[in-house]
């Protein structure tokens, strides 16, 4: 019942209401629940008390000082689309072209996929030939353009004038630019929020809940899939139990007449396949499946590699009159009620905001390349020089704290968020039990185990800090959310009475300062909520699990459709790509069952 599966199931159900479609979801429903419809409450969905998030804990890593990394994914109808930050950032064209050419997947290049990106959205901003105008998911500027975002754009235009401010940094081609402005009036960057209602735009409400009268579209919550039932090389159903039962307990079987689609995300989908007897021989045998019929043994060809984006959230103090989401979490009951009342009545105000107004898709300058060093220069020539649409990192100032308020006082904040777009490090995930899905998987994360990834994150921190400390609202660094620099360092964190001037010299960092930044990232860095690539869509001899029609190799009537099929990384938050995969899966399935999707239009959704 995740972001991708809601798109696929919703499309097929709307095209032919007689199709009998069953969605199995481990988590709860999200229909009309304010935790999942109020954009500014995204922090509540990723907190320790959340019941709609899976927390996947890695093995302790020597690269993180013995720390285990927690990677999160959605556990509710709508999946990540119901809990994410609503960032509207698309991949670049060359990312999808790599899927088509480098990994031999016909029909998956940018020109093939742009029509599907358009199909899924209504771009309420109203311009751009790579955007949609009638899709069920809404993209807008949200209910407020906060002063933090306005200041960030003003500073960017003066401090970093070599990088332009552009109308659309999500057209799949524009990069190394700040977004966004329109008709000479500076406006914020888009987000997955409906400007008519001020609500989050998620795939559950857009594709599933509006078809509740269709009794052939059935959603069962609280169900954990153990395995796919395979008979004579053909998927014929799934075996599942109660998600909250540990151990899983009594199992039930749901039979499928035409097709089984696994869409459990980059952690869940490979686990279901392995528990179904599809995977490396050593993994299957080590989990007590030696006597179980091994359906397909991939040996060294089976891919379970995790790729993601290392991310960090340093925070800064803001002027007390700043427009931020902080009062919604730290304010008095009266303050919170006033903010909620505005949203409930008008769909506007800070509640209709995801804290992110501005973004920089950053490519390195000549000066940056010198700091990154000779090894990164080689990396640049290999990846970036021939692909001018690829960016090295994404940087976003935020109107408030991102990621929770533990350990910080009741204040107004400028949050920040930056991530590396093409990290070299990868990890892996495999089942730890052949029969018990509640058993945590063996999750090895490669987070920051490559020195080039460390260098990119260090540079992103420095560029982000120079941007923030010139904004009028800036009042210093929040030490609890910053590197610990030596007391006599130029970079030492402290509260201030205001910003530095635009033309102030940049901070000069010593080698000891650089080590402090590295220690901060190793001690506090995170993964973005969604990872990719664990059931990769590649030729089998390159580690592929599914082919270009999403069919699991050597098994009929079994597909995988979610971000796990991505054969390589994308320079963006992954929500757009998850929706795209859902749209593509619907088209492929319709072709195979003889359903004419050309007769279907978005009006039905």
Protein backbone atom coordinates (compact mmCIF):
# COMPACT_ATOMS: atom_id res chain seq x y z
CA UNK A 1 0.00 0.00 0.00
CA UNK A 2 2.93 2.37 -0.54
CA UNK A 3 3.33 5.41 -2.78
CA UNK A 4 4.01 3.41 -5.95
CA UNK A 5 1.43 0.68 -5.44
CA UNK A 6 -1.36 3.21 -4.84
CA UNK A 7 -0.61 4.77 -8.23
CA UNK A 8 -0.52 1.45 -10.06
CA UNK A 9 -3.59 -0.03 -8.39
CA UNK A 10 -5.53 3.23 -8.62
CA UNK A 11 -4.84 3.65 -12.33
CA UNK A 12 -5.88 0.11 -13.19
CA UNK A 13 -9.00 0.23 -11.01
CA UNK A 14 -10.12 3.53 -12.56
CA UNK A 15 -9.49 2.23 -16.08
CA UNK A 16 -11.49 -0.96 -15.48
CA UNK A 17 -13.64 -1.03 -12.32
CA UNK A 18 -14.33 -4.73 -12.95
CA UNK A 19 -10.70 -5.65 -12.22
CA UNK A 20 -10.43 -7.28 -8.81
CA UNK A 21 -7.42 -5.69 -7.07
CA UNK A 22 -6.24 -6.46 -3.55
CA UNK A 23 -3.75 -4.20 -1.73
CA UNK A 24 -2.10 -5.59 1.40
CA UNK A 25 -0.58 -2.99 3.76
CA UNK A 26 1.16 -3.58 7.08
CA UNK A 27 0.33 -0.14 8.47
CA UNK A 28 -2.93 1.76 9.08
CA UNK A 29 -5.17 3.87 6.88
CA UNK A 30 -4.39 7.59 6.58
CA UNK A 31 -7.65 8.91 5.12
CA UNK A 32 -8.34 12.48 6.31
CA UNK A 33 -6.01 12.14 9.31
CA UNK A 34 -4.46 15.53 10.07
CA UNK A 35 -1.08 14.03 10.93
CA UNK A 36 -0.93 13.02 7.27
CA UNK A 37 -2.75 15.93 5.62
CA UNK A 38 -1.28 18.97 7.44
CA UNK A 39 1.99 19.61 5.58
CA UNK A 40 3.85 21.27 8.47
CA UNK A 41 3.32 18.23 10.68
CA UNK A 42 5.79 16.14 8.67
CA UNK A 43 8.14 16.01 11.69
CA UNK A 44 5.47 14.13 13.66
CA UNK A 45 5.51 11.32 11.11
CA UNK A 46 9.22 10.59 11.52
CA UNK A 47 9.44 10.89 15.30
CA UNK A 48 10.02 8.02 17.75
CA UNK A 49 6.31 7.78 18.60
CA UNK A 50 5.16 7.46 15.00
CA UNK A 51 3.12 4.36 14.17
CA UNK A 52 3.35 4.97 10.42
CA UNK A 53 7.10 4.54 9.92
CA UNK A 54 9.36 1.51 9.65
CA UNK A 55 12.71 2.09 11.40
CA UNK A 56 15.38 -0.09 9.79
CA UNK A 57 18.49 -0.24 11.96
CA UNK A 58 21.80 -1.03 10.30
CA UNK A 59 24.68 -2.96 11.75
CA UNK A 60 27.06 -0.74 13.69
CA UNK A 61 29.54 0.89 11.36
CA UNK A 62 33.21 1.68 11.99
CA UNK A 63 32.76 4.60 9.57
CA UNK A 64 30.20 6.13 11.94
CA UNK A 65 32.20 5.68 15.14
CA UNK A 66 30.38 2.46 15.96
CA UNK A 67 26.99 4.08 15.43
CA UNK A 68 24.09 2.21 13.84
CA UNK A 69 22.17 4.13 11.19
CA UNK A 70 18.38 4.16 11.19
CA UNK A 71 16.75 4.33 7.76
CA UNK A 72 13.02 5.04 7.67
CA UNK A 73 10.26 4.12 5.25
CA UNK A 74 6.50 4.58 5.24
CA UNK A 75 4.27 2.09 7.07
CA UNK A 76 0.75 3.18 6.14
CA UNK A 77 -1.56 3.43 3.16
CA UNK A 78 0.24 5.84 0.86
CA UNK A 79 3.64 4.80 2.20
CA UNK A 80 6.30 7.46 1.90
CA UNK A 81 3.90 9.84 0.15
CA UNK A 82 1.90 10.09 3.40
CA UNK A 83 4.88 10.81 5.68
CA UNK A 84 7.57 12.50 3.57
CA UNK A 85 8.72 16.13 3.46
CA UNK A 86 6.69 16.83 0.27
CA UNK A 87 9.81 18.09 -1.53
CA UNK A 88 9.12 18.55 -5.24
CA UNK A 89 12.50 17.70 -6.70
CA UNK A 90 12.74 15.73 -9.90
CA UNK A 91 15.60 13.67 -11.25
CA UNK A 92 17.54 14.97 -14.23
CA UNK A 93 17.03 13.64 -17.74
CA UNK A 94 20.41 11.89 -17.83
CA UNK A 95 19.46 9.88 -14.70
CA UNK A 96 16.58 8.25 -16.56
CA UNK A 97 18.58 8.03 -19.79
CA UNK A 98 21.15 6.01 -17.82
CA UNK A 99 18.37 3.61 -16.84
CA UNK A 100 17.59 3.13 -20.54
CA UNK A 101 21.03 3.04 -22.14
CA UNK A 102 23.56 2.01 -19.48
CA UNK A 103 21.29 -0.66 -18.00
CA UNK A 104 19.55 -1.69 -21.22
CA UNK A 105 15.94 -0.88 -20.31
CA UNK A 106 13.98 0.17 -23.41
CA UNK A 107 11.14 2.55 -22.67
CA UNK A 108 12.77 4.00 -19.53
CA UNK A 109 14.59 7.04 -20.96
CA UNK A 110 13.66 10.63 -20.12
CA UNK A 111 11.70 11.19 -23.33
CA UNK A 112 9.73 8.00 -22.63
CA UNK A 113 8.98 8.99 -19.05
CA UNK A 114 8.24 12.72 -19.17
CA UNK A 115 4.65 12.09 -20.39
CA UNK A 116 4.11 9.88 -17.32
CA UNK A 117 5.57 12.52 -14.99
CA UNK A 118 3.10 14.97 -16.50
CA UNK A 119 0.22 12.53 -16.30
CA UNK A 120 0.45 12.13 -12.54
CA UNK A 121 0.39 15.82 -11.58
CA UNK A 122 -1.51 19.06 -11.81
CA UNK A 123 1.14 21.76 -11.72
CA UNK A 124 -0.94 24.50 -10.14
CA UNK A 125 1.84 27.02 -10.69
CA UNK A 126 0.72 26.98 -14.31
CA UNK A 127 3.75 26.92 -16.55
CA UNK A 128 6.38 24.57 -17.97
CA UNK A 129 6.06 22.11 -20.84
CA UNK A 130 7.46 19.25 -18.77
CA UNK A 131 4.69 19.57 -16.18
CA UNK A 132 1.15 18.22 -16.08
CA UNK A 133 -2.12 20.11 -15.95
CA UNK A 134 -4.76 17.49 -15.12
CA UNK A 135 -3.21 14.82 -12.89
CA UNK A 136 -4.63 13.73 -9.55
CA UNK A 137 -1.61 14.88 -7.52
CA UNK A 138 -1.26 18.63 -6.95
CA UNK A 139 1.93 20.68 -7.01
CA UNK A 140 1.88 24.26 -5.75
CA UNK A 141 3.74 26.92 -3.79
CA UNK A 142 1.77 25.93 -0.68
CA UNK A 143 -0.12 28.18 1.70
CA UNK A 144 2.61 30.69 2.58
CA UNK A 145 5.89 32.03 1.26
CA UNK A 146 7.84 32.43 4.50
CA UNK A 147 10.33 35.23 5.10
CA UNK A 148 13.18 32.71 5.53
CA UNK A 149 12.72 31.63 1.91
CA UNK A 150 12.52 35.21 0.65
CA UNK A 151 15.72 36.12 2.46
CA UNK A 152 17.49 33.03 1.13
CA UNK A 153 16.73 34.03 -2.46
CA UNK A 154 17.76 37.64 -1.84
CA UNK A 155 21.10 36.52 -0.42
CA UNK A 156 21.66 34.04 -3.24
CA UNK A 157 21.20 36.71 -5.88
CA UNK A 158 23.80 38.96 -4.25
CA UNK A 159 26.28 36.53 -2.69
CA UNK A 160 26.30 33.85 -5.39
CA UNK A 161 25.44 35.85 -8.50
CA UNK A 162 27.19 33.41 -10.85
CA UNK A 163 24.39 30.92 -10.23
CA UNK A 164 21.08 32.12 -11.63
CA UNK A 165 17.65 32.13 -10.02
CA UNK A 166 15.46 30.29 -12.51
CA UNK A 167 11.73 29.82 -13.16
CA UNK A 168 11.91 26.04 -13.04
CA UNK A 169 14.74 23.90 -11.70
CA UNK A 170 12.60 20.76 -12.08
CA UNK A 171 12.30 20.60 -15.86
CA UNK A 172 14.81 17.67 -15.88
CA UNK A 173 17.51 19.79 -17.53
CA UNK A 174 18.24 22.89 -15.42
CA UNK A 175 20.84 22.63 -12.66
CA UNK A 176 23.45 24.67 -10.79
CA UNK A 177 20.70 27.19 -10.14
CA UNK A 178 18.40 28.45 -7.41
CA UNK A 179 14.66 27.98 -7.74
CA UNK A 180 12.23 29.68 -8.12
CA UNK A 181 10.80 32.95 -9.53
CA UNK A 182 8.01 33.84 -11.94
CA UNK A 183 7.11 36.92 -13.95
CA UNK A 184 9.80 38.99 -12.17
CA UNK A 185 8.24 38.29 -8.77
CA UNK A 186 10.25 36.05 -6.51
CA UNK A 187 8.14 33.04 -5.52
CA UNK A 188 8.96 29.87 -3.56
CA UNK A 189 9.87 26.48 -4.94
CA UNK A 190 7.04 24.00 -5.63
CA UNK A 191 5.97 21.28 -3.24
CA UNK A 192 3.47 18.41 -3.16
CA UNK A 193 0.70 20.51 -1.58
CA UNK A 194 -2.72 21.35 -3.01
CA UNK A 195 -3.07 25.14 -3.06
CA UNK A 196 -6.86 24.88 -3.04
CA UNK A 197 -7.00 22.99 0.26
CA UNK A 198 -3.54 23.44 1.78
CA UNK A 199 -3.32 19.66 2.21
CA UNK A 200 -0.51 17.22 1.51
CA UNK A 201 -0.81 15.69 -1.95
CA UNK A 202 -0.26 11.95 -1.46
CA UNK A 203 -0.95 8.93 -3.62
CA UNK A 204 -3.39 7.32 -1.17
CA UNK A 205 -5.89 10.19 -1.31
CA UNK A 206 -5.28 10.88 -5.00
CA UNK A 207 -5.57 7.33 -6.33
CA UNK A 208 -7.22 5.07 -3.73
CA UNK A 209 -9.51 6.89 -1.31
CA UNK A 210 -11.41 8.70 -4.03
CA UNK A 211 -12.42 5.30 -5.43
CA UNK A 212 -13.97 3.94 -2.24
CA UNK A 213 -17.22 3.13 -4.03
CA UNK A 214 -15.32 0.61 -6.18
CA UNK A 215 -15.87 -2.62 -4.27
CA UNK A 216 -13.42 -4.47 -6.53
CA UNK A 217 -10.57 -2.32 -5.18
CA UNK A 218 -9.90 -3.75 -1.74
CA UNK A 219 -7.33 -2.45 0.80
CA UNK A 220 -6.53 -4.66 3.78
CA UNK A 221 -4.44 -3.00 6.47
CA UNK A 222 -2.42 -4.59 9.26
CA UNK A 223 -1.25 -7.39 6.95
CA UNK A 224 2.35 -8.52 6.62
CA UNK A 225 3.26 -10.52 3.52
CA UNK A 226 5.49 -13.46 4.33
CA UNK A 227 6.09 -14.80 0.83
CA UNK A 228 4.81 -15.13 -2.70
CA UNK A 229 3.32 -18.55 -3.44
CA UNK A 230 4.95 -19.95 -6.57
CA UNK A 231 3.71 -23.08 -8.30
CA UNK A 232 5.41 -24.51 -11.37
CA UNK A 233 7.34 -21.30 -11.92
CA UNK A 234 4.23 -19.10 -11.72
CA UNK A 235 3.17 -16.69 -8.95
CA UNK A 236 -0.33 -17.63 -7.83
CA UNK A 237 -0.80 -15.66 -4.61
CA UNK A 238 0.72 -14.53 -1.35
CA UNK A 239 0.88 -15.80 2.21
CA UNK A 240 0.40 -13.19 4.94
CA UNK A 241 -0.25 -12.74 8.63
CA UNK A 242 -1.09 -10.01 11.13
CA UNK A 243 1.55 -7.28 10.99
CA UNK A 244 1.57 -6.65 14.75
CA UNK A 245 1.90 -10.33 15.68
CA UNK A 246 5.40 -11.35 16.78
CA UNK A 247 5.95 -14.08 15.81
CA UNK A 248 3.73 -13.83 12.77
CA UNK A 249 1.25 -16.49 13.95
CA UNK A 250 -1.61 -17.82 11.87
CA UNK A 251 -1.16 -17.29 8.15
CA UNK A 252 -3.74 -16.74 5.44
CA UNK A 253 -3.47 -17.09 1.68
CA UNK A 254 -4.72 -14.67 -0.96
CA UNK A 255 -4.84 -16.19 -4.43
CA UNK A 256 -4.16 -14.16 -7.58
CA UNK A 257 -5.73 -15.13 -10.87
CA UNK A 258 -3.64 -12.89 -13.14
CA UNK A 259 -0.70 -11.22 -11.42
CA UNK A 260 1.20 -10.64 -8.18
CA UNK A 261 2.96 -7.29 -7.84
CA UNK A 262 5.45 -6.89 -5.00
CA UNK A 263 5.59 -3.24 -3.97
CA UNK A 264 6.97 -3.21 -0.44
CA UNK A 265 9.83 -0.77 -0.93
CA UNK A 266 13.57 -1.19 -0.99
CA UNK A 267 13.63 -3.05 2.33
CA UNK A 268 10.40 -4.99 2.03
CA UNK A 269 10.47 -6.15 -1.59
CA UNK A 270 13.82 -8.01 -1.57
CA UNK A 271 12.84 -9.60 1.75
CA UNK A 272 9.58 -10.95 0.31
CA UNK A 273 11.44 -12.36 -2.70
CA UNK A 274 14.06 -14.03 -0.51
CA UNK A 275 11.41 -15.56 1.77
CA UNK A 276 9.78 -16.83 -1.43
CA UNK A 277 12.92 -18.73 -2.38
CA UNK A 278 14.28 -16.15 -4.82
CA UNK A 279 17.80 -15.02 -4.01
CA UNK A 280 21.37 -16.04 -3.40
CA UNK A 281 21.88 -19.66 -2.39
CA UNK A 282 24.02 -18.73 0.61
CA UNK A 283 21.42 -16.31 1.94
CA UNK A 284 18.56 -18.76 1.54
CA UNK A 285 20.45 -21.65 3.16
CA UNK A 286 21.72 -19.52 6.05
CA UNK A 287 18.10 -18.68 6.91
CA UNK A 288 16.92 -22.25 7.28
CA UNK A 289 15.59 -22.60 3.78
CA UNK A 290 17.79 -25.50 2.74
CA UNK A 291 14.81 -27.85 2.80
CA UNK A 292 12.56 -25.23 1.29
CA UNK A 293 12.25 -25.35 -2.48
CA UNK A 294 14.60 -22.72 -3.86
CA UNK A 295 12.69 -21.23 -6.74
CA UNK A 296 15.46 -19.18 -8.35
CA UNK A 297 19.07 -19.09 -7.15
CA UNK A 298 20.73 -15.90 -8.32
CA UNK A 299 24.04 -16.57 -6.59
CA UNK A 300 26.38 -13.64 -7.31
CA UNK A 301 23.97 -12.05 -9.77
CA UNK A 302 21.20 -11.22 -7.30
CA UNK A 303 21.30 -7.53 -6.39
CA UNK A 304 20.38 -6.24 -2.97
CA UNK A 305 22.61 -3.18 -3.05
CA UNK A 306 21.22 -0.11 -1.34
CA UNK A 307 21.87 3.31 -2.79
CA UNK A 308 20.69 6.49 -1.11
CA UNK A 309 21.68 10.08 -0.37
CA UNK A 310 23.65 10.97 2.78
CA UNK A 311 21.87 13.90 4.41
CA UNK A 312 22.47 16.32 7.28
CA UNK A 313 20.30 18.88 9.11
CA UNK A 314 22.41 21.57 10.82
CA UNK A 315 20.33 24.27 12.54
CA UNK A 316 20.71 28.00 13.17
CA UNK A 317 18.95 30.45 15.46
CA UNK A 318 16.49 32.83 13.79
CA UNK A 319 15.06 36.20 14.72
CA UNK A 320 12.04 35.77 16.99
CA UNK A 321 9.66 37.36 14.48
CA UNK A 322 10.59 34.86 11.75
CA UNK A 323 7.88 32.85 10.01
CA UNK A 324 8.74 29.26 10.86
CA UNK A 325 6.99 25.97 11.67
CA UNK A 326 8.56 25.92 15.17
CA UNK A 327 5.51 27.32 17.05
CA UNK A 328 3.45 24.42 15.72
CA UNK A 329 5.71 22.09 17.71
CA UNK A 330 6.92 24.27 20.59
CA UNK A 331 4.23 26.92 20.97
CA UNK A 332 1.53 27.27 23.58
CA UNK A 333 -1.81 25.52 23.15
CA UNK A 334 -3.33 28.86 22.16
CA UNK A 335 -0.68 29.49 19.49
CA UNK A 336 -1.05 26.01 18.02
CA UNK A 337 -4.85 26.25 17.97
CA UNK A 338 -4.69 29.57 16.10
CA UNK A 339 -2.39 28.12 13.45
CA UNK A 340 -4.54 25.00 13.06
CA UNK A 341 -7.72 27.07 12.90
CA UNK A 342 -6.36 29.11 9.97
CA UNK A 343 -5.47 25.93 8.09
CA UNK A 344 -8.79 24.23 8.81
CA UNK A 345 -10.81 27.24 7.67
CA UNK A 346 -8.71 28.53 4.77
CA UNK A 347 -6.03 25.96 3.96
CA UNK A 348 -3.37 28.66 4.39
CA UNK A 349 -0.68 29.77 6.81
CA UNK A 350 2.33 28.02 8.24
CA UNK A 351 0.41 24.71 8.57
CA UNK A 352 0.18 24.59 4.75
CA UNK A 353 3.96 24.77 4.52
CA UNK A 354 6.66 22.10 4.46
CA UNK A 355 9.37 24.52 5.73
CA UNK A 356 11.22 24.45 2.40
CA UNK A 357 10.88 27.42 0.06
CA UNK A 358 14.19 27.50 -1.79
CA UNK A 359 16.71 24.99 -3.11
CA UNK A 360 20.07 25.01 -4.85
CA UNK A 361 21.00 22.19 -7.20
CA UNK A 362 24.74 22.66 -6.91
CA UNK A 363 27.47 21.69 -9.33
CA UNK A 364 31.02 22.30 -8.15
CA UNK A 365 32.90 25.43 -9.26
CA UNK A 366 36.58 25.38 -10.17
CA UNK A 367 37.33 26.51 -6.62
CA UNK A 368 35.15 23.73 -5.23
CA UNK A 369 36.99 21.14 -7.28
CA UNK A 370 40.29 22.32 -5.86
CA UNK A 371 38.97 21.81 -2.34
CA UNK A 372 37.47 18.43 -3.21
CA UNK A 373 40.86 17.23 -4.44
CA UNK A 374 42.33 15.29 -7.39
CA UNK A 375 40.34 12.10 -6.81
CA UNK A 376 37.09 14.03 -7.03
CA UNK A 377 38.29 15.78 -10.16
CA UNK A 378 38.46 12.35 -11.79
CA UNK A 379 34.99 11.60 -10.48
CA UNK A 380 33.80 14.90 -11.94
CA UNK A 381 35.20 14.07 -15.38
CA UNK A 382 33.57 10.63 -15.33
CA UNK A 383 30.10 11.64 -14.11
CA UNK A 384 29.48 15.38 -14.45
CA UNK A 385 31.48 16.79 -17.35
CA UNK A 386 29.44 14.89 -19.97
CA UNK A 387 26.17 15.39 -18.12
CA UNK A 388 25.55 19.11 -17.54
CA UNK A 389 22.14 18.38 -16.02
CA UNK A 390 23.58 16.42 -13.07
CA UNK A 391 24.15 18.20 -9.77
CA UNK A 392 26.57 17.19 -7.05
CA UNK A 393 24.45 18.19 -4.05
CA UNK A 394 21.08 19.67 -3.14
CA UNK A 395 21.02 22.47 -0.53
CA UNK A 396 17.86 23.77 1.15
CA UNK A 397 17.39 26.41 3.86
CA UNK A 398 14.29 25.63 5.93
CA UNK A 399 11.77 27.69 7.88
CA UNK A 400 12.21 25.84 11.15
CA UNK A 401 13.82 22.72 12.57
CA UNK A 402 13.76 19.63 10.40
CA UNK A 403 13.94 16.26 12.12
CA UNK A 404 12.74 16.89 15.68
CA UNK A 405 13.29 19.21 18.66
CA UNK A 406 15.13 17.04 21.18
CA UNK A 407 17.67 19.04 23.13
CA UNK A 408 16.93 22.49 21.69
CA UNK A 409 15.22 25.40 23.49
CA UNK A 410 11.91 26.97 22.50
CA UNK A 411 13.07 29.39 19.83
CA UNK A 412 12.65 30.23 16.16
CA UNK A 413 15.10 28.44 13.87
CA UNK A 414 16.53 28.38 10.40
CA UNK A 415 16.83 24.70 9.63
CA UNK A 416 18.96 23.39 6.80
CA UNK A 417 19.00 20.25 4.74
CA UNK A 418 21.65 19.15 2.26
CA UNK A 419 22.49 15.86 0.64
CA UNK A 420 24.96 14.33 -1.76
CA UNK A 421 23.26 13.27 -4.99
CA UNK A 422 25.56 10.52 -6.24
CA UNK A 423 27.39 8.94 -3.30
CA UNK A 424 29.85 6.19 -4.17
CA UNK A 425 29.20 4.08 -1.08
CA UNK A 426 26.55 1.38 -1.19
CA UNK A 427 25.10 -1.02 1.35
CA UNK A 428 23.07 -4.21 1.33
CA UNK A 429 20.03 -5.76 2.95
CA UNK A 430 19.08 -9.46 3.33
CA UNK A 431 16.59 -11.40 5.41
CA UNK A 432 17.58 -12.71 8.82
CA UNK A 433 14.78 -15.30 8.88
CA UNK A 434 13.21 -17.36 6.14
CA UNK A 435 9.80 -17.49 7.80
CA UNK A 436 9.50 -14.57 10.24
CA UNK A 437 9.02 -11.15 8.59
CA UNK A 438 9.16 -9.31 11.93
CA UNK A 439 12.79 -10.36 12.29
CA UNK A 440 14.96 -7.33 11.49
CA UNK A 441 16.96 -7.82 8.27
CA UNK A 442 20.69 -7.90 7.99
CA UNK A 443 21.26 -4.30 6.96
CA UNK A 444 24.77 -3.10 6.17
CA UNK A 445 25.00 0.56 5.31
CA UNK A 446 27.97 2.01 3.46
CA UNK A 447 27.25 5.50 4.77
CA UNK A 448 30.36 7.70 4.40
CA UNK A 449 32.74 4.80 3.93
CA UNK A 450 34.13 6.53 0.82
CA UNK A 451 36.36 9.57 1.26
CA UNK A 452 34.82 11.33 -1.76
CA UNK A 453 31.37 11.19 -0.14
CA UNK A 454 32.88 12.74 2.99
CA UNK A 455 34.41 15.54 0.90
CA UNK A 456 31.10 16.39 -0.81
CA UNK A 457 29.24 16.60 2.50
CA UNK A 458 31.99 18.80 3.98
CA UNK A 459 31.76 21.21 1.05
CA UNK A 460 27.95 21.27 1.24
CA UNK A 461 28.12 22.22 4.93
CA UNK A 462 30.46 25.13 4.18
CA UNK A 463 28.41 26.48 1.27
CA UNK A 464 25.20 26.14 3.26
CA UNK A 465 26.63 27.99 6.24
CA UNK A 466 27.86 30.92 4.14
CA UNK A 467 24.40 31.21 2.62
CA UNK A 468 22.60 31.17 5.99
CA UNK A 469 24.84 33.55 7.91
CA UNK A 470 24.11 36.37 5.47
CA UNK A 471 20.33 36.18 5.89
CA UNK A 472 18.73 38.98 7.96
CA UNK A 473 17.02 36.47 10.28
CA UNK A 474 20.30 34.69 11.17
CA UNK A 475 21.19 34.76 14.86
CA UNK A 476 24.01 32.23 15.08
CA UNK A 477 24.56 28.49 15.14
CA UNK A 478 22.74 25.96 17.32
CA UNK A 479 25.69 24.10 18.80
CA UNK A 480 23.63 20.96 19.52
CA UNK A 481 23.02 20.64 15.76
CA UNK A 482 26.47 21.72 14.51
CA UNK A 483 30.08 20.49 14.35
CA UNK A 484 32.14 21.18 17.48
CA UNK A 485 35.00 23.41 16.33
CA UNK A 486 37.99 24.48 18.48
CA UNK A 487 37.12 27.57 20.60
CA UNK A 488 39.65 29.79 18.81
CA UNK A 489 38.54 28.71 15.31
CA UNK A 490 37.00 31.15 12.84
CA UNK A 491 34.26 28.53 12.47
CA UNK A 492 33.45 28.27 16.19
CA UNK A 493 29.67 28.18 16.69
CA UNK A 494 28.03 30.94 18.71
CA UNK A 495 24.92 33.06 18.98
CA UNK A 496 25.07 36.48 17.33
CA UNK A 497 23.01 39.64 17.16
CA UNK A 498 22.56 39.42 13.41
CA UNK A 499 24.05 38.41 10.06
CA UNK A 500 27.38 39.24 8.48
CA UNK A 501 27.35 41.60 5.52
CA UNK A 502 26.88 40.14 2.07
CA UNK A 503 30.48 40.80 1.01
CA UNK A 504 32.02 39.48 4.23
CA UNK A 505 34.90 37.05 3.60
CA UNK A 506 34.05 33.36 3.78
CA UNK A 507 35.10 31.44 6.86
CA UNK A 508 38.57 29.94 6.49
CA UNK A 509 38.55 26.38 7.80
CA UNK A 510 41.66 24.75 9.22
CA UNK A 511 42.45 21.08 8.86
CA UNK A 512 41.20 20.62 12.43
CA UNK A 513 37.95 22.35 11.43
CA UNK A 514 37.56 19.99 8.49
CA UNK A 515 37.94 17.05 10.85
CA UNK A 516 35.22 18.53 13.08
CA UNK A 517 32.83 18.71 10.10
CA UNK A 518 33.64 15.12 9.19
CA UNK A 519 33.06 14.02 12.80
CA UNK A 520 29.69 15.81 12.78
CA UNK A 521 28.55 14.01 9.64
CA UNK A 522 29.76 10.65 10.91
CA UNK A 523 28.07 11.24 14.25
CA UNK A 524 24.84 12.90 13.13
CA UNK A 525 24.39 12.23 9.41
CA UNK A 526 21.33 10.35 8.23
CA UNK A 527 19.84 8.69 5.19
CA UNK A 528 16.93 10.16 3.27
CA UNK A 529 13.75 8.24 4.10
CA UNK A 530 13.66 6.27 0.83
CA UNK A 531 16.46 4.09 -0.48
CA UNK A 532 16.72 2.52 -3.93
CA UNK A 533 18.04 -0.33 -5.99
CA UNK A 534 17.62 -3.55 -3.99
CA UNK A 535 15.65 -5.34 -6.77
CA UNK A 536 17.41 -3.59 -9.60
CA UNK A 537 16.01 -3.42 -13.13
CA UNK A 538 19.12 -4.60 -14.95
CA UNK A 539 20.29 -7.44 -17.15
CA UNK A 540 20.69 -10.48 -14.97
CA UNK A 541 24.47 -10.66 -15.52
CA UNK A 542 24.73 -7.13 -14.10
CA UNK A 543 22.94 -8.09 -10.90
CA UNK A 544 19.41 -7.53 -12.12
CA UNK A 545 16.36 -8.93 -10.35
CA UNK A 546 13.69 -7.67 -12.76
CA UNK A 547 13.67 -6.96 -16.48
CA UNK A 548 12.51 -3.76 -18.20
CA UNK A 549 8.87 -4.87 -17.91
CA UNK A 550 9.38 -5.33 -14.16
CA UNK A 551 9.11 -9.12 -14.39
CA UNK A 552 11.13 -11.09 -11.86
CA UNK A 553 13.55 -13.22 -13.85
CA UNK A 554 12.40 -16.83 -14.45
CA UNK A 555 9.05 -16.40 -12.67
CA UNK A 556 5.85 -15.71 -14.57
CA UNK A 557 3.02 -13.53 -13.25
CA UNK A 558 5.34 -11.80 -10.75
CA UNK A 559 6.47 -8.18 -10.94
CA UNK A 560 8.20 -5.73 -8.62
CA UNK A 561 7.11 -2.10 -8.80
CA UNK A 562 8.64 0.39 -6.38
CA UNK A 563 11.91 2.26 -5.89
CA UNK A 564 13.76 -1.00 -5.33
CA UNK A 565 13.82 -1.49 -9.12
CA UNK A 566 15.83 1.70 -9.78
CA UNK A 567 19.06 0.54 -11.44
CA UNK A 568 21.00 3.66 -10.38
CA UNK A 569 20.63 6.74 -8.23
CA UNK A 570 18.80 9.96 -9.05
CA UNK A 571 19.79 13.53 -8.14
CA UNK A 572 16.58 14.29 -6.28
CA UNK A 573 14.23 13.39 -3.52
CA UNK A 574 12.75 10.12 -4.77
CA UNK A 575 9.00 10.75 -4.49
CA UNK A 576 8.61 11.82 -8.13
CA UNK A 577 10.47 8.71 -9.27
CA UNK A 578 8.28 6.48 -7.07
CA UNK A 579 5.17 7.95 -8.70
CA UNK A 580 6.72 7.56 -12.13
CA UNK A 581 7.43 3.87 -11.53
CA UNK A 582 3.80 3.44 -10.46
CA UNK A 583 2.54 5.05 -13.65
CA UNK A 584 4.89 2.95 -15.79
CA UNK A 585 3.88 -0.26 -14.02
CA UNK A 586 0.21 0.51 -14.71
CA UNK A 587 0.95 0.96 -18.42
CA UNK A 588 2.95 -2.29 -18.62
CA UNK A 589 0.31 -4.30 -16.76
CA UNK A 590 -2.50 -2.84 -18.87
CA UNK A 591 -0.68 -3.89 -22.03
CA UNK A 592 -0.29 -7.43 -20.76
CA UNK A 593 -3.93 -7.91 -19.67
CA UNK A 594 -5.36 -6.25 -22.77
CA UNK A 595 -6.61 -3.08 -21.09
CA UNK A 596 -6.73 -0.04 -23.39
CA UNK A 597 -5.28 2.75 -21.23
CA UNK A 598 -5.62 5.26 -24.08
CA UNK A 599 -9.36 5.36 -23.40
CA UNK A 600 -8.69 6.36 -19.82
CA UNK A 601 -8.15 9.96 -18.77
CA UNK A 602 -7.43 11.77 -15.54
CA UNK A 603 -11.03 12.91 -15.20
CA UNK A 604 -11.85 9.55 -13.58
CA UNK A 605 -9.47 10.44 -10.76
